[in-house]
Amino acid sequence: MVVSDLLGFSDSDYAYNQSRAHSADIFFLKMRAWFWGGFSTLSMFLIGNIMGVFDINIMGWIIDKISGIWGH
């Protein structure tokens, strides 16, 4: 009761609006996900290459720590 008063719509109104999602809304959600997914992938590749220039090897550190567990 309080939530519907604060937000200005009830749960049934929200469910009705979500069931009527327009195809353009879904398209823009997909494009936004593709954009941010591509952007984050590209930025991580660039950051990884920059780290390689400065001889920062995170995966090597992780493998050394894991293999060190069995070395004792």
PDB file of N, CA and C in Angstrom:
ATOM      1  N   MET A   1       0.819  -1.182   0.000  1.00  0.00           N
ATOM      2  CA  MET A   1       0.000   0.000   0.000  1.00  0.00           C
ATOM      3  C   MET A   1       0.868   1.253   0.000  1.00  0.00           C
ATOM      4  N   VAL A   2       1.881   1.279   0.852  1.00  0.00           N
ATOM      5  CA  VAL A   2       2.738   2.453   0.948  1.00  0.00           C
ATOM      6  C   VAL A   2       3.580   2.614  -0.309  1.00  0.00           C
ATOM      7  N   VAL A   3       4.087   1.499  -0.846  1.00  0.00           N
ATOM      8  CA  VAL A   3       4.934   1.561  -2.040  1.00  0.00           C
ATOM      9  C   VAL A   3       4.145   2.091  -3.224  1.00  0.00           C
ATOM     10  N   SER A   4       2.914   1.635  -3.385  1.00  0.00           N
ATOM     11  CA  SER A   4       2.109   2.124  -4.506  1.00  0.00           C
ATOM     12  C   SER A   4       1.770   3.594  -4.329  1.00  0.00           C
ATOM     13  N   ASP A   5       1.614   4.040  -3.092  1.00  0.00           N
ATOM     14  CA  ASP A   5       1.357   5.464  -2.855  1.00  0.00           C
ATOM     15  C   ASP A   5       2.586   6.303  -3.176  1.00  0.00           C
ATOM     16  N   LEU A   6       3.771   5.788  -2.843  1.00  0.00           N
ATOM     17  CA  LEU A   6       5.002   6.532  -3.109  1.00  0.00           C
ATOM     18  C   LEU A   6       5.339   6.575  -4.593  1.00  0.00           C
ATOM     19  N   LEU A   7       5.179   5.441  -5.277  1.00  0.00           N
ATOM     20  CA  LEU A   7       5.566   5.351  -6.681  1.00  0.00           C
ATOM     21  C   LEU A   7       4.482   5.825  -7.631  1.00  0.00           C
ATOM     22  N   GLY A   8       3.241   5.846  -7.192  1.00  0.00           N
ATOM     23  CA  GLY A   8       2.170   6.343  -8.038  1.00  0.00           C
ATOM     24  C   GLY A   8       1.530   5.282  -8.902  1.00  0.00           C
ATOM     25  N   PHE A   9       1.863   4.017  -8.720  1.00  0.00           N
ATOM     26  CA  PHE A   9       1.215   2.933  -9.453  1.00  0.00           C
ATOM     27  C   PHE A   9       1.220   1.674  -8.593  1.00  0.00           C
ATOM     28  N   SER A  10       0.306   0.803  -8.902  1.00  0.00           N
ATOM     29  CA  SER A  10       0.197  -0.437  -8.129  1.00  0.00           C
ATOM     30  C   SER A  10       0.984  -1.558  -8.805  1.00  0.00           C
ATOM     31  N   ASP A  11       1.032  -2.692  -8.151  1.00  0.00           N
ATOM     32  CA  ASP A  11       1.749  -3.841  -8.704  1.00  0.00           C
ATOM     33  C   ASP A  11       1.096  -4.330  -9.989  1.00  0.00           C
ATOM     34  N   SER A  12      -0.226  -4.301 -10.051  1.00  0.00           N
ATOM     35  CA  SER A  12      -0.902  -4.757 -11.265  1.00  0.00           C
ATOM     36  C   SER A  12      -0.640  -3.807 -12.428  1.00  0.00           C
ATOM     37  N   ASP A  13      -0.553  -2.498 -12.163  1.00  0.00           N
ATOM     38  CA  ASP A  13      -0.205  -1.548 -13.227  1.00  0.00           C
ATOM     39  C   ASP A  13       1.196  -1.806 -13.753  1.00  0.00           C
ATOM     40  N   TYR A  14       2.130  -2.099 -12.855  1.00  0.00           N
ATOM     41  CA  TYR A  14       3.498  -2.370 -13.258  1.00  0.00           C
ATOM     42  C   TYR A  14       3.582  -3.636 -14.104  1.00  0.00           C
ATOM     43  N   ALA A  15       2.894  -4.701 -13.674  1.00  0.00           N
ATOM     44  CA  ALA A  15       2.897  -5.952 -14.437  1.00  0.00           C
ATOM     45  C   ALA A  15       2.271  -5.742 -15.811  1.00  0.00           C
ATOM     46  N   TYR A  16       1.225  -4.940 -15.884  1.00  0.00           N
ATOM     47  CA  TYR A  16       0.586  -4.667 -17.167  1.00  0.00           C
ATOM     48  C   TYR A  16       1.526  -3.906 -18.093  1.00  0.00           C
ATOM     49  N   ASN A  17       2.212  -2.927 -17.573  1.00  0.00           N
ATOM     50  CA  ASN A  17       3.143  -2.147 -18.401  1.00  0.00           C
ATOM     51  C   ASN A  17       4.317  -2.996 -18.863  1.00  0.00           C
ATOM     52  N   GLN A  18       4.794  -3.907 -18.033  1.00  0.00           N
ATOM     53  CA  GLN A  18       5.908  -4.755 -18.429  1.00  0.00           C
ATOM     54  C   GLN A  18       5.493  -5.779 -19.476  1.00  0.00           C
ATOM     55  N   SER A  19       4.235  -6.209 -19.447  1.00  0.00           N
ATOM     56  CA  SER A  19       3.777  -7.168 -20.445  1.00  0.00           C
ATOM     57  C   SER A  19       3.562  -6.508 -21.798  1.00  0.00           C
ATOM     58  N   ARG A  20       3.444  -5.182 -21.835  1.00  0.00           N
ATOM     59  CA  ARG A  20       3.209  -4.461 -23.071  1.00  0.00           C
ATOM     60  C   ARG A  20       4.484  -3.784 -23.579  1.00  0.00           C
ATOM     61  N   ALA A  21       5.647  -4.287 -23.234  1.00  0.00           N
ATOM     62  CA  ALA A  21       6.908  -3.658 -23.641  1.00  0.00           C
ATOM     63  C   ALA A  21       6.976  -3.581 -25.164  1.00  0.00           C
ATOM     64  N   HIS A  22       7.287  -2.425 -25.634  1.00  0.00           N
ATOM     65  CA  HIS A  22       7.332  -2.185 -27.074  1.00  0.00           C
ATOM     66  C   HIS A  22       8.601  -2.797 -27.654  1.00  0.00           C
ATOM     67  N   SER A  23       8.543  -3.250 -28.894  1.00  0.00           N
ATOM     68  CA  SER A  23       9.705  -3.894 -29.504  1.00  0.00           C
ATOM     69  C   SER A  23      10.871  -2.913 -29.642  1.00  0.00           C
ATOM     70  N   ALA A  24      10.568  -1.628 -29.815  1.00  0.00           N
ATOM     71  CA  ALA A  24      11.649  -0.639 -29.883  1.00  0.00           C
ATOM     72  C   ALA A  24      12.358  -0.520 -28.535  1.00  0.00           C
ATOM     73  N   ASP A  25      11.613  -0.650 -27.437  1.00  0.00           N
ATOM     74  CA  ASP A  25      12.239  -0.607 -26.114  1.00  0.00           C
ATOM     75  C   ASP A  25      13.208  -1.771 -25.948  1.00  0.00           C
ATOM     76  N   ILE A  26      12.785  -2.954 -26.376  1.00  0.00           N
ATOM     77  CA  ILE A  26      13.652  -4.131 -26.288  1.00  0.00           C
ATOM     78  C   ILE A  26      14.872  -3.962 -27.180  1.00  0.00           C
ATOM     79  N   PHE A  27      14.684  -3.387 -28.373  1.00  0.00           N
ATOM     80  CA  PHE A  27      15.801  -3.149 -29.282  1.00  0.00           C
ATOM     81  C   PHE A  27      16.835  -2.229 -28.645  1.00  0.00           C
ATOM     82  N   PHE A  28      16.373  -1.133 -28.031  1.00  0.00           N
ATOM     83  CA  PHE A  28      17.321  -0.198 -27.425  1.00  0.00           C
ATOM     84  C   PHE A  28      18.005  -0.797 -26.205  1.00  0.00           C
ATOM     85  N   LEU A  29      17.303  -1.657 -25.468  1.00  0.00           N
ATOM     86  CA  LEU A  29      17.958  -2.354 -24.366  1.00  0.00           C
ATOM     87  C   LEU A  29      19.058  -3.275 -24.877  1.00  0.00           C
ATOM     88  N   LYS A  30      18.784  -3.992 -25.970  1.00  0.00           N
ATOM     89  CA  LYS A  30      19.794  -4.874 -26.555  1.00  0.00           C
ATOM     90  C   LYS A  30      20.976  -4.077 -27.082  1.00  0.00           C
ATOM     91  N   MET A  31      20.709  -2.953 -27.753  1.00  0.00           N
ATOM     92  CA  MET A  31      21.805  -2.147 -28.299  1.00  0.00           C
ATOM     93  C   MET A  31      22.659  -1.553 -27.188  1.00  0.00           C
ATOM     94  N   ARG A  32      22.008  -1.157 -26.094  1.00  0.00           N
ATOM     95  CA  ARG A  32      22.770  -0.625 -24.967  1.00  0.00           C
ATOM     96  C   ARG A  32      23.642  -1.712 -24.352  1.00  0.00           C
ATOM     97  N   ALA A  33      23.107  -2.936 -24.244  1.00  0.00           N
ATOM     98  CA  ALA A  33      23.897  -4.047 -23.705  1.00  0.00           C
ATOM     99  C   ALA A  33      25.053  -4.389 -24.629  1.00  0.00           C
ATOM    100  N   TRP A  34      24.815  -4.411 -25.950  1.00  0.00           N
ATOM    101  CA  TRP A  34      25.895  -4.687 -26.904  1.00  0.00           C
ATOM    102  C   TRP A  34      26.955  -3.598 -26.845  1.00  0.00           C
ATOM    103  N   PHE A  35      26.534  -2.335 -26.748  1.00  0.00           N
ATOM    104  CA  PHE A  35      27.501  -1.237 -26.699  1.00  0.00           C
ATOM    105  C   PHE A  35      28.389  -1.348 -25.463  1.00  0.00           C
ATOM    106  N   TRP A  36      27.783  -1.483 -24.283  1.00  0.00           N
ATOM    107  CA  TRP A  36      28.581  -1.536 -23.066  1.00  0.00           C
ATOM    108  C   TRP A  36      29.392  -2.815 -22.965  1.00  0.00           C
ATOM    109  N   GLY A  37      28.864  -3.920 -23.498  1.00  0.00           N
ATOM    110  CA  GLY A  37      29.644  -5.156 -23.528  1.00  0.00           C
ATOM    111  C   GLY A  37      30.859  -5.027 -24.419  1.00  0.00           C
ATOM    112  N   GLY A  38      30.676  -4.450 -25.595  1.00  0.00           N
ATOM    113  CA  GLY A  38      31.800  -4.243 -26.510  1.00  0.00           C
ATOM    114  C   GLY A  38      32.802  -3.242 -25.970  1.00  0.00           C
ATOM    115  N   PHE A  39      32.295  -2.164 -25.388  1.00  0.00           N
ATOM    116  CA  PHE A  39      33.171  -1.144 -24.825  1.00  0.00           C
ATOM    117  C   PHE A  39      33.998  -1.697 -23.673  1.00  0.00           C
ATOM    118  N   SER A  40      33.374  -2.463 -22.778  1.00  0.00           N
ATOM    119  CA  SER A  40      34.124  -3.003 -21.643  1.00  0.00           C
ATOM    120  C   SER A  40      35.128  -4.064 -22.096  1.00  0.00           C
ATOM    121  N   THR A  41      34.768  -4.864 -23.109  1.00  0.00           N
ATOM    122  CA  THR A  41      35.701  -5.864 -23.627  1.00  0.00           C
ATOM    123  C   THR A  41      36.915  -5.190 -24.252  1.00  0.00           C
ATOM    124  N   LEU A  42      36.685  -4.190 -25.082  1.00  0.00           N
ATOM    125  CA  LEU A  42      37.779  -3.470 -25.721  1.00  0.00           C
ATOM    126  C   LEU A  42      38.658  -2.772 -24.691  1.00  0.00           C
ATOM    127  N   SER A  43      38.045  -2.159 -23.692  1.00  0.00           N
ATOM    128  CA  SER A  43      38.847  -1.464 -22.684  1.00  0.00           C
ATOM    129  C   SER A  43      39.675  -2.443 -21.854  1.00  0.00           C
ATOM    130  N   MET A  44      39.131  -3.635 -21.562  1.00  0.00           N
ATOM    131  CA  MET A  44      39.911  -4.614 -20.805  1.00  0.00           C
ATOM    132  C   MET A  44      41.083  -5.147 -21.629  1.00  0.00           C
ATOM    133  N   PHE A  45      40.883  -5.340 -22.937  1.00  0.00           N
ATOM    134  CA  PHE A  45      42.002  -5.739 -23.790  1.00  0.00           C
ATOM    135  C   PHE A  45      43.089  -4.660 -23.802  1.00  0.00           C
ATOM    136  N   LEU A  46      42.694  -3.402 -23.909  1.00  0.00           N
ATOM    137  CA  LEU A  46      43.674  -2.313 -23.917  1.00  0.00           C
ATOM    138  C   LEU A  46      44.399  -2.212 -22.581  1.00  0.00           C
ATOM    139  N   ILE A  47      43.672  -2.329 -21.490  1.00  0.00           N
ATOM    140  CA  ILE A  47      44.303  -2.272 -20.166  1.00  0.00           C
ATOM    141  C   ILE A  47      45.262  -3.455 -19.991  1.00  0.00           C
ATOM    142  N   GLY A  48      44.868  -4.627 -20.481  1.00  0.00           N
ATOM    143  CA  GLY A  48      45.749  -5.798 -20.396  1.00  0.00           C
ATOM    144  C   GLY A  48      47.022  -5.609 -21.188  1.00  0.00           C
ATOM    145  N   ASN A  49      46.917  -5.002 -22.368  1.00  0.00           N
ATOM    146  CA  ASN A  49      48.124  -4.741 -23.161  1.00  0.00           C
ATOM    147  C   ASN A  49      49.020  -3.718 -22.496  1.00  0.00           C
ATOM    148  N   ILE A  50      48.433  -2.694 -21.907  1.00  0.00           N
ATOM    149  CA  ILE A  50      49.231  -1.681 -21.205  1.00  0.00           C
ATOM    150  C   ILE A  50      49.931  -2.307 -20.003  1.00  0.00           C
ATOM    151  N   MET A  51      49.229  -3.194 -19.285  1.00  0.00           N
ATOM    152  CA  MET A  51      49.851  -3.864 -18.145  1.00  0.00           C
ATOM    153  C   MET A  51      51.008  -4.747 -18.598  1.00  0.00           C
ATOM    154  N   GLY A  52      50.900  -5.357 -19.779  1.00  0.00           N
ATOM    155  CA  GLY A  52      51.980  -6.184 -20.295  1.00  0.00           C
ATOM    156  C   GLY A  52      53.222  -5.383 -20.609  1.00  0.00           C
ATOM    157  N   VAL A  53      53.041  -4.125 -21.021  1.00  0.00           N
ATOM    158  CA  VAL A  53      54.192  -3.257 -21.301  1.00  0.00           C
ATOM    159  C   VAL A  53      54.987  -3.006 -20.023  1.00  0.00           C
ATOM    160  N   PHE A  54      54.297  -2.867 -18.907  1.00  0.00           N
ATOM    161  CA  PHE A  54      54.954  -2.617 -17.629  1.00  0.00           C
ATOM    162  C   PHE A  54      55.259  -3.905 -16.867  1.00  0.00           C
ATOM    163  N   ASP A  55      55.185  -5.053 -17.539  1.00  0.00           N
ATOM    164  CA  ASP A  55      55.508  -6.363 -16.976  1.00  0.00           C
ATOM    165  C   ASP A  55      54.679  -6.682 -15.737  1.00  0.00           C
ATOM    166  N   ILE A  56      53.379  -6.376 -15.808  1.00  0.00           N
ATOM    167  CA  ILE A  56      52.436  -6.737 -14.750  1.00  0.00           C
ATOM    168  C   ILE A  56      51.699  -7.968 -15.235  1.00  0.00           C
ATOM    169  N   ASN A  57      51.910  -9.095 -14.565  1.00  0.00           N
ATOM    170  CA  ASN A  57      51.377 -10.371 -15.010  1.00  0.00           C
ATOM    171  C   ASN A  57      50.473 -10.952 -13.927  1.00  0.00           C
ATOM    172  N   ILE A  58      49.220 -10.540 -13.925  1.00  0.00           N
ATOM    173  CA  ILE A  58      48.281 -10.965 -12.885  1.00  0.00           C
ATOM    174  C   ILE A  58      47.994 -12.455 -12.986  1.00  0.00           C
ATOM    175  N   MET A  59      47.784 -12.955 -14.192  1.00  0.00           N
ATOM    176  CA  MET A  59      47.506 -14.385 -14.349  1.00  0.00           C
ATOM    177  C   MET A  59      48.685 -15.234 -13.891  1.00  0.00           C
ATOM    178  N   GLY A  60      49.906 -14.779 -14.154  1.00  0.00           N
ATOM    179  CA  GLY A  60      51.085 -15.496 -13.681  1.00  0.00           C
ATOM    180  C   GLY A  60      51.148 -15.528 -12.168  1.00  0.00           C
ATOM    181  N   TRP A  61      50.795 -14.415 -11.530  1.00  0.00           N
ATOM    182  CA  TRP A  61      50.777 -14.377 -10.072  1.00  0.00           C
ATOM    183  C   TRP A  61      49.754 -15.347  -9.516  1.00  0.00           C
ATOM    184  N   ILE A  62      48.573 -15.389 -10.144  1.00  0.00           N
ATOM    185  CA  ILE A  62      47.520 -16.287  -9.666  1.00  0.00           C
ATOM    186  C   ILE A  62      47.951 -17.746  -9.819  1.00  0.00           C
ATOM    187  N   ILE A  63      48.537 -18.082 -10.957  1.00  0.00           N
ATOM    188  CA  ILE A  63      48.987 -19.464 -11.191  1.00  0.00           C
ATOM    189  C   ILE A  63      50.096 -19.830 -10.220  1.00  0.00           C
ATOM    190  N   ASP A  64      51.022 -18.911  -9.949  1.00  0.00           N
ATOM    191  CA  ASP A  64      52.090 -19.187  -8.987  1.00  0.00           C
ATOM    192  C   ASP A  64      51.539 -19.429  -7.584  1.00  0.00           C
ATOM    193  N   LYS A  65      50.552 -18.637  -7.181  1.00  0.00           N
ATOM    194  CA  LYS A  65      49.963 -18.818  -5.843  1.00  0.00           C
ATOM    195  C   LYS A  65      49.213 -20.141  -5.740  1.00  0.00           C
ATOM    196  N   ILE A  66      48.474 -20.490  -6.801  1.00  0.00           N
ATOM    197  CA  ILE A  66      47.720 -21.753  -6.773  1.00  0.00           C
ATOM    198  C   ILE A  66      48.679 -22.945  -6.794  1.00  0.00           C
ATOM    199  N   SER A  67      49.705 -22.881  -7.642  1.00  0.00           N
ATOM    200  CA  SER A  67      50.654 -24.006  -7.671  1.00  0.00           C
ATOM    201  C   SER A  67      51.484 -24.058  -6.398  1.00  0.00           C
ATOM    202  N   GLY A  68      51.649 -22.943  -5.719  1.00  0.00           N
ATOM    203  CA  GLY A  68      52.373 -22.931  -4.449  1.00  0.00           C
ATOM    204  C   GLY A  68      51.626 -23.631  -3.333  1.00  0.00           C
ATOM    205  N   ILE A  69      50.294 -23.743  -3.484  1.00  0.00           N
ATOM    206  CA  ILE A  69      49.516 -24.442  -2.457  1.00  0.00           C
ATOM    207  C   ILE A  69      49.919 -25.909  -2.419  1.00  0.00           C
ATOM    208  N   TRP A  70      50.125 -26.514  -3.600  1.00  0.00           N
ATOM    209  CA  TRP A  70      50.485 -27.924  -3.645  1.00  0.00           C
ATOM    210  C   TRP A  70      51.968 -28.175  -3.468  1.00  0.00           C
ATOM    211  N   GLY A  71      52.763 -27.130  -3.437  1.00  0.00           N
ATOM    212  CA  GLY A  71      54.198 -27.288  -3.289  1.00  0.00           C
ATOM    213  C   GLY A  71      54.679 -27.490  -1.873  1.00  0.00           C
ATOM    214  N   HIS A  72      53.804 -27.308  -0.914  1.00  0.00           N
ATOM    215  CA  HIS A  72      54.224 -27.408   0.492  1.00  0.00           C
ATOM    216  C   HIS A  72      54.330 -28.817   0.934  1.00  0.00           C
TER     217      HIS A  72
END
